[in-house]
C-alpha cells in the first residue's frame, strides 16, 4: 500500500528546514538535524527516519505520529495535532493562486517526451501516448518502472505528482502513487523531438 498523503506534512518538513537553517540534502544534514533536535528538545529521531520522511530514501508507509509529534515539538508545539491546529488558526496555509511552470497535457502532441525529477535524485522520462496517458520510458531511483502507464492532466514544477493508479506492463494496477510529496517536482522539461 502507498503512503497516505498527510497535507500538513509538507509544511511541517518545510518549517523544520527553515528552523534548522538550510535544506536537508545530504546524509550529514540528516545526522546533524538529529543531533540538534536531541540537544534542543531532548528527543531523538534517527537520521534514517528523517531521511525516509524527506524522501531521501525509499519510504512506503505512514509516518508514526510519535515522529510527527517530535518534529512538532522541535518547532515549539505540544504535538502534531497542535501544529495542525496552529496552521488552521493562522491562515498561513490556505487556498491561493500561484504562479509556477506547468505542462498541461492538452498542450502536448502525441509522442512528446517529458523529463520529471524530484529530490533527492529521482528522474523519469515519459512518452505522451495521447489523451491523458503517459508511458514511463526510463527511470532513475524511483519506484515507477519502464513500461508503466498512468494518466495525468498536468505537471506543476514545485508541486507533488499525484497519480491515481499505475498500470504495470504485466497488467497489474497499483494503488495511488505520489512522488515529490515533500518538495515537489524540481525538474519539469518537455524534451525536443528525437531526430531519426
C-alpha atoms as a PDB file:
ATOM      1  CA  UNK A   1       0.000   0.000   0.000  1.00  0.00           C
ATOM      2  CA  UNK A   2       1.247   3.502  -0.789  1.00  0.00           C
ATOM      3  CA  UNK A   3       1.905   6.189   1.786  1.00  0.00           C
ATOM      4  CA  UNK A   4      -1.290   8.073   2.660  1.00  0.00           C
ATOM      5  CA  UNK A   5      -0.912  11.773   1.883  1.00  0.00           C
ATOM      6  CA  UNK A   6      -0.884  13.979   5.001  1.00  0.00           C
ATOM      7  CA  UNK A   7      -1.429  17.541   3.737  1.00  0.00           C
ATOM      8  CA  UNK A   8       0.291  19.220   6.701  1.00  0.00           C
ATOM      9  CA  UNK A   9       3.398  17.026   6.429  1.00  0.00           C
ATOM     10  CA  UNK A  10       4.998  19.077   3.641  1.00  0.00           C
ATOM     11  CA  UNK A  11       4.525  22.273   5.664  1.00  0.00           C
ATOM     12  CA  UNK A  12       5.908  20.600   8.805  1.00  0.00           C
ATOM     13  CA  UNK A  13       9.035  19.487   6.928  1.00  0.00           C
ATOM     14  CA  UNK A  14       9.429  22.913   5.320  1.00  0.00           C
ATOM     15  CA  UNK A  15       9.245  24.646   8.694  1.00  0.00           C
ATOM     16  CA  UNK A  16      11.711  22.207  10.269  1.00  0.00           C
ATOM     17  CA  UNK A  17      14.191  23.030   7.484  1.00  0.00           C
ATOM     18  CA  UNK A  18      13.501  26.739   7.994  1.00  0.00           C
ATOM     19  CA  UNK A  19      14.279  26.488  11.714  1.00  0.00           C
ATOM     20  CA  UNK A  20      17.289  24.241  11.055  1.00  0.00           C
ATOM     21  CA  UNK A  21      18.656  26.903   8.722  1.00  0.00           C
ATOM     22  CA  UNK A  22      19.013  25.117   5.413  1.00  0.00           C
ATOM     23  CA  UNK A  23      17.585  22.484   3.110  1.00  0.00           C
ATOM     24  CA  UNK A  24      18.251  18.861   4.029  1.00  0.00           C
ATOM     25  CA  UNK A  25      20.023  17.224   1.111  1.00  0.00           C
ATOM     26  CA  UNK A  26      22.935  15.123   2.402  1.00  0.00           C
ATOM     27  CA  UNK A  27      23.435  12.351   4.930  1.00  0.00           C
ATOM     28  CA  UNK A  28      25.400  14.805   7.077  1.00  0.00           C
ATOM     29  CA  UNK A  29      22.417  17.205   7.108  1.00  0.00           C
ATOM     30  CA  UNK A  30      20.112  14.500   8.482  1.00  0.00           C
ATOM     31  CA  UNK A  31      22.654  13.394  11.090  1.00  0.00           C
ATOM     32  CA  UNK A  32      23.168  16.994  12.206  1.00  0.00           C
ATOM     33  CA  UNK A  33      19.408  17.653  12.450  1.00  0.00           C
ATOM     34  CA  UNK A  34      19.021  14.509  14.566  1.00  0.00           C
ATOM     35  CA  UNK A  35      21.789  15.752  16.879  1.00  0.00           C
ATOM     36  CA  UNK A  36      20.395  19.315  17.068  1.00  0.00           C
ATOM     37  CA  UNK A  37      16.889  18.078  17.892  1.00  0.00           C
ATOM     38  CA  UNK A  38      18.158  15.814  20.659  1.00  0.00           C
ATOM     39  CA  UNK A  39      20.208  18.673  22.096  1.00  0.00           C
ATOM     40  CA  UNK A  40      17.391  21.248  21.873  1.00  0.00           C
ATOM     41  CA  UNK A  41      14.342  19.224  22.963  1.00  0.00           C
ATOM     42  CA  UNK A  42      15.863  16.095  24.490  1.00  0.00           C
ATOM     43  CA  UNK A  43      14.182  13.765  21.980  1.00  0.00           C
ATOM     44  CA  UNK A  44      15.848  11.669  19.305  1.00  0.00           C
ATOM     45  CA  UNK A  45      14.698  10.932  15.768  1.00  0.00           C
ATOM     46  CA  UNK A  46      17.288   8.864  13.937  1.00  0.00           C
ATOM     47  CA  UNK A  47      18.907  10.189  10.784  1.00  0.00           C
ATOM     48  CA  UNK A  48      17.499   7.181   8.884  1.00  0.00           C
ATOM     49  CA  UNK A  49      13.926   8.077   9.938  1.00  0.00           C
ATOM     50  CA  UNK A  50      14.498  11.682   8.900  1.00  0.00           C
ATOM     51  CA  UNK A  51      15.821  10.518   5.500  1.00  0.00           C
ATOM     52  CA  UNK A  52      12.659   8.469   4.927  1.00  0.00           C
ATOM     53  CA  UNK A  53      10.403  11.393   5.847  1.00  0.00           C
ATOM     54  CA  UNK A  54      12.179  13.740   3.440  1.00  0.00           C
ATOM     55  CA  UNK A  55      12.125  11.133   0.651  1.00  0.00           C
ATOM     56  CA  UNK A  56      15.916  10.863   0.610  1.00  0.00           C
ATOM     57  CA  UNK A  57      15.499   7.066   0.809  1.00  0.00           C
ATOM     58  CA  UNK A  58      12.502   4.904  -0.129  1.00  0.00           C
ATOM     59  CA  UNK A  59       9.559   5.167   2.238  1.00  0.00           C
ATOM     60  CA  UNK A  60       6.285   3.334   1.745  1.00  0.00           C
ATOM     61  CA  UNK A  61       4.362   3.557   4.996  1.00  0.00           C
ATOM     62  CA  UNK A  62       2.663   6.205   7.082  1.00  0.00           C
ATOM     63  CA  UNK A  63       4.959   8.252   9.338  1.00  0.00           C
ATOM     64  CA  UNK A  64       4.485   7.410  13.025  1.00  0.00           C
ATOM     65  CA  UNK A  65       2.537  10.028  14.958  1.00  0.00           C
ATOM     66  CA  UNK A  66       5.268   9.945  17.615  1.00  0.00           C
ATOM     67  CA  UNK A  67       7.759  11.077  14.952  1.00  0.00           C
ATOM     68  CA  UNK A  68       5.452  13.879  13.782  1.00  0.00           C
ATOM     69  CA  UNK A  69       4.896  14.871  17.416  1.00  0.00           C
ATOM     70  CA  UNK A  70       8.655  15.150  17.957  1.00  0.00           C
ATOM     71  CA  UNK A  71       9.133  17.284  14.835  1.00  0.00           C
ATOM     72  CA  UNK A  72       6.254  19.489  16.009  1.00  0.00           C
ATOM     73  CA  UNK A  73       7.862  19.894  19.450  1.00  0.00           C
ATOM     74  CA  UNK A  74      11.096  20.944  17.734  1.00  0.00           C
ATOM     75  CA  UNK A  75       9.033  23.791  16.270  1.00  0.00           C
ATOM     76  CA  UNK A  76       7.625  24.712  19.693  1.00  0.00           C
ATOM     77  CA  UNK A  77       4.253  22.919  19.535  1.00  0.00           C
ATOM     78  CA  UNK A  78       2.915  20.398  22.048  1.00  0.00           C
ATOM     79  CA  UNK A  79       2.384  17.734  19.368  1.00  0.00           C
ATOM     80  CA  UNK A  80       1.421  17.247  15.711  1.00  0.00           C
ATOM     81  CA  UNK A  81      -2.254  17.818  16.492  1.00  0.00           C
ATOM     82  CA  UNK A  82      -1.475  21.243  17.960  1.00  0.00           C
ATOM     83  CA  UNK A  83       0.789  22.023  14.974  1.00  0.00           C
ATOM     84  CA  UNK A  84      -2.115  21.236  12.614  1.00  0.00           C
ATOM     85  CA  UNK A  85      -4.465  23.387  14.667  1.00  0.00           C
ATOM     86  CA  UNK A  86      -1.969  26.258  14.663  1.00  0.00           C
ATOM     87  CA  UNK A  87      -1.758  26.040  10.871  1.00  0.00           C
ATOM     88  CA  UNK A  88      -5.517  26.136  10.613  1.00  0.00           C
ATOM     89  CA  UNK A  89      -5.837  29.051  13.051  1.00  0.00           C
ATOM     90  CA  UNK A  90      -3.039  31.088  11.458  1.00  0.00           C
ATOM     91  CA  UNK A  91      -4.482  31.032   7.976  1.00  0.00           C
ATOM     92  CA  UNK A  92      -0.889  30.627   6.756  1.00  0.00           C
ATOM     93  CA  UNK A  93      -1.782  27.618   4.638  1.00  0.00           C
ATOM     94  CA  UNK A  94      -4.912  28.420   2.701  1.00  0.00           C
ATOM     95  CA  UNK A  95      -6.063  28.120  -0.861  1.00  0.00           C
ATOM     96  CA  UNK A  96      -4.289  30.600  -3.041  1.00  0.00           C
ATOM     97  CA  UNK A  97      -3.444  31.314  -6.655  1.00  0.00           C
ATOM     98  CA  UNK A  98       0.162  30.703  -7.529  1.00  0.00           C
ATOM     99  CA  UNK A  99       2.454  31.037 -10.467  1.00  0.00           C
ATOM    100  CA  UNK A 100       4.699  28.184 -11.494  1.00  0.00           C
ATOM    101  CA  UNK A 101       5.920  26.413 -14.598  1.00  0.00           C
ATOM    102  CA  UNK A 102       3.260  23.939 -15.713  1.00  0.00           C
ATOM    103  CA  UNK A 103       2.883  21.459 -18.533  1.00  0.00           C
ATOM    104  CA  UNK A 104      -0.717  20.722 -19.448  1.00  0.00           C
ATOM    105  CA  UNK A 105      -1.486  17.500 -21.260  1.00  0.00           C
ATOM    106  CA  UNK A 106      -3.765  19.379 -23.663  1.00  0.00           C
ATOM    107  CA  UNK A 107      -0.730  21.301 -24.963  1.00  0.00           C
ATOM    108  CA  UNK A 108       1.251  18.165 -25.892  1.00  0.00           C
ATOM    109  CA  UNK A 109       1.389  16.343 -29.225  1.00  0.00           C
ATOM    110  CA  UNK A 110       1.233  12.543 -29.315  1.00  0.00           C
ATOM    111  CA  UNK A 111       4.736  11.155 -28.889  1.00  0.00           C
ATOM    112  CA  UNK A 112       6.016  14.152 -26.898  1.00  0.00           C
ATOM    113  CA  UNK A 113       8.536  13.311 -24.214  1.00  0.00           C
ATOM    114  CA  UNK A 114       8.854  14.787 -20.729  1.00  0.00           C
ATOM    115  CA  UNK A 115      11.584  14.653 -18.126  1.00  0.00           C
ATOM    116  CA  UNK A 116      10.455  14.840 -14.474  1.00  0.00           C
ATOM    117  CA  UNK A 117      12.688  14.888 -11.407  1.00  0.00           C
ATOM    118  CA  UNK A 118      12.459  15.266  -7.653  1.00  0.00           C
ATOM    119  CA  UNK A 119      14.709  15.077  -4.601  1.00  0.00           C
ATOM    120  CA  UNK A 120      16.985  13.584  -3.787  1.00  0.00           C
ATOM    121  CA  UNK A 121      17.929  12.076  -7.173  1.00  0.00           C
ATOM    122  CA  UNK A 122      14.759  10.723  -8.821  1.00  0.00           C
ATOM    123  CA  UNK A 123      14.350  11.115 -12.570  1.00  0.00           C
ATOM    124  CA  UNK A 124      11.806   9.688 -15.030  1.00  0.00           C
ATOM    125  CA  UNK A 125      11.393  10.101 -18.760  1.00  0.00           C
ATOM    126  CA  UNK A 126       7.831   9.871 -20.077  1.00  0.00           C
ATOM    127  CA  UNK A 127       6.276   9.449 -23.503  1.00  0.00           C
ATOM    128  CA  UNK A 128       2.866  11.038 -24.115  1.00  0.00           C
ATOM    129  CA  UNK A 129       0.537   8.494 -25.739  1.00  0.00           C
ATOM    130  CA  UNK A 130      -2.389  10.855 -26.295  1.00  0.00           C
ATOM    131  CA  UNK A 131      -5.458  11.837 -24.312  1.00  0.00           C
ATOM    132  CA  UNK A 132      -4.091  11.952 -20.758  1.00  0.00           C
ATOM    133  CA  UNK A 133      -1.956   8.783 -20.925  1.00  0.00           C
ATOM    134  CA  UNK A 134       1.794   8.604 -20.370  1.00  0.00           C
ATOM    135  CA  UNK A 135       4.222   5.703 -20.522  1.00  0.00           C
ATOM    136  CA  UNK A 136       7.422   5.576 -18.472  1.00  0.00           C
ATOM    137  CA  UNK A 137      10.417   5.152 -20.797  1.00  0.00           C
ATOM    138  CA  UNK A 138      13.263   5.291 -18.283  1.00  0.00           C
ATOM    139  CA  UNK A 139      13.688   5.625 -14.524  1.00  0.00           C
ATOM    140  CA  UNK A 140      16.469   6.584 -12.145  1.00  0.00           C
ATOM    141  CA  UNK A 141      15.977   5.823  -8.433  1.00  0.00           C
ATOM    142  CA  UNK A 142      12.145   5.852  -8.438  1.00  0.00           C
ATOM    143  CA  UNK A 143       9.512   3.167  -7.862  1.00  0.00           C
ATOM    144  CA  UNK A 144       7.988   3.584 -11.299  1.00  0.00           C
ATOM    145  CA  UNK A 145       9.224   1.137 -13.946  1.00  0.00           C
ATOM    146  CA  UNK A 146       9.810   1.349 -17.690  1.00  0.00           C
ATOM    147  CA  UNK A 147       6.560   0.354 -19.409  1.00  0.00           C
ATOM    148  CA  UNK A 148       4.330   1.661 -16.595  1.00  0.00           C
ATOM    149  CA  UNK A 149       1.362   3.721 -17.808  1.00  0.00           C
ATOM    150  CA  UNK A 150      -0.656   6.329 -15.949  1.00  0.00           C
ATOM    151  CA  UNK A 151      -2.948   9.269 -16.585  1.00  0.00           C
ATOM    152  CA  UNK A 152      -2.238  12.906 -15.743  1.00  0.00           C
ATOM    153  CA  UNK A 153      -3.751  16.170 -16.917  1.00  0.00           C
ATOM    154  CA  UNK A 154      -0.881  18.436 -15.856  1.00  0.00           C
ATOM    155  CA  UNK A 155       2.505  18.615 -14.164  1.00  0.00           C
ATOM    156  CA  UNK A 156       3.483  21.555 -11.940  1.00  0.00           C
ATOM    157  CA  UNK A 157       7.043  22.498 -11.011  1.00  0.00           C
ATOM    158  CA  UNK A 158       7.315  22.695  -7.213  1.00  0.00           C
ATOM    159  CA  UNK A 159       4.175  20.601  -6.599  1.00  0.00           C
ATOM    160  CA  UNK A 160       3.860  16.875  -5.872  1.00  0.00           C
ATOM    161  CA  UNK A 161       2.948  14.452  -8.657  1.00  0.00           C
ATOM    162  CA  UNK A 162      -0.252  12.600  -7.794  1.00  0.00           C
ATOM    163  CA  UNK A 163      -1.149   9.515  -9.843  1.00  0.00           C
ATOM    164  CA  UNK A 164      -4.442   7.737  -9.094  1.00  0.00           C
ATOM    165  CA  UNK A 165      -3.019   4.390 -10.252  1.00  0.00           C
ATOM    166  CA  UNK A 166      -0.244   2.930 -12.380  1.00  0.00           C
ATOM    167  CA  UNK A 167      -0.853   0.117 -14.861  1.00  0.00           C
ATOM    168  CA  UNK A 168       2.223  -2.094 -14.920  1.00  0.00           C
ATOM    169  CA  UNK A 169       3.366  -3.808 -18.115  1.00  0.00           C
ATOM    170  CA  UNK A 170       2.169  -7.146 -16.671  1.00  0.00           C
ATOM    171  CA  UNK A 171      -1.378  -5.743 -16.374  1.00  0.00           C
ATOM    172  CA  UNK A 172      -1.419  -5.224 -12.597  1.00  0.00           C
ATOM    173  CA  UNK A 173      -2.708  -1.919 -11.264  1.00  0.00           C
ATOM    174  CA  UNK A 174      -1.071  -0.196  -8.290  1.00  0.00           C
ATOM    175  CA  UNK A 175      -2.707   1.834  -5.533  1.00  0.00           C
ATOM    176  CA  UNK A 176      -2.375   5.641  -5.818  1.00  0.00           C
ATOM    177  CA  UNK A 177       1.181   6.933  -6.102  1.00  0.00           C
ATOM    178  CA  UNK A 178       2.595  10.289  -5.013  1.00  0.00           C
ATOM    179  CA  UNK A 179       6.062  11.495  -5.970  1.00  0.00           C
ATOM    180  CA  UNK A 180       7.898  14.544  -4.672  1.00  0.00           C
ATOM    181  CA  UNK A 181       5.471  14.964  -1.775  1.00  0.00           C
ATOM    182  CA  UNK A 182       7.868  16.945   0.431  1.00  0.00           C
ATOM    183  CA  UNK A 183       9.296  19.495  -2.011  1.00  0.00           C
ATOM    184  CA  UNK A 184       7.505  18.987  -5.300  1.00  0.00           C
ATOM    185  CA  UNK A 185       8.964  18.369  -8.735  1.00  0.00           C
ATOM    186  CA  UNK A 186      12.293  20.107  -9.276  1.00  0.00           C
ATOM    187  CA  UNK A 187      12.720  19.051 -12.923  1.00  0.00           C
ATOM    188  CA  UNK A 188       9.961  19.572 -15.494  1.00  0.00           C
ATOM    189  CA  UNK A 189      11.066  19.633 -19.131  1.00  0.00           C
ATOM    190  CA  UNK A 190       9.402  18.962 -22.448  1.00  0.00           C
ATOM    191  CA  UNK A 191      12.215  17.314 -24.394  1.00  0.00           C
ATOM    192  CA  UNK A 192      12.973  18.219 -28.005  1.00  0.00           C
ATOM    193  CA  UNK A 193      11.643  15.737 -30.570  1.00  0.00           C
ATOM    194  CA  UNK A 194      14.050  12.896 -31.313  1.00  0.00           C
ATOM    195  CA  UNK A 195      15.508  13.126 -34.805  1.00  0.00           C
ATOM    196  CA  UNK A 196      15.790   9.851 -36.740  1.00  0.00           C
END
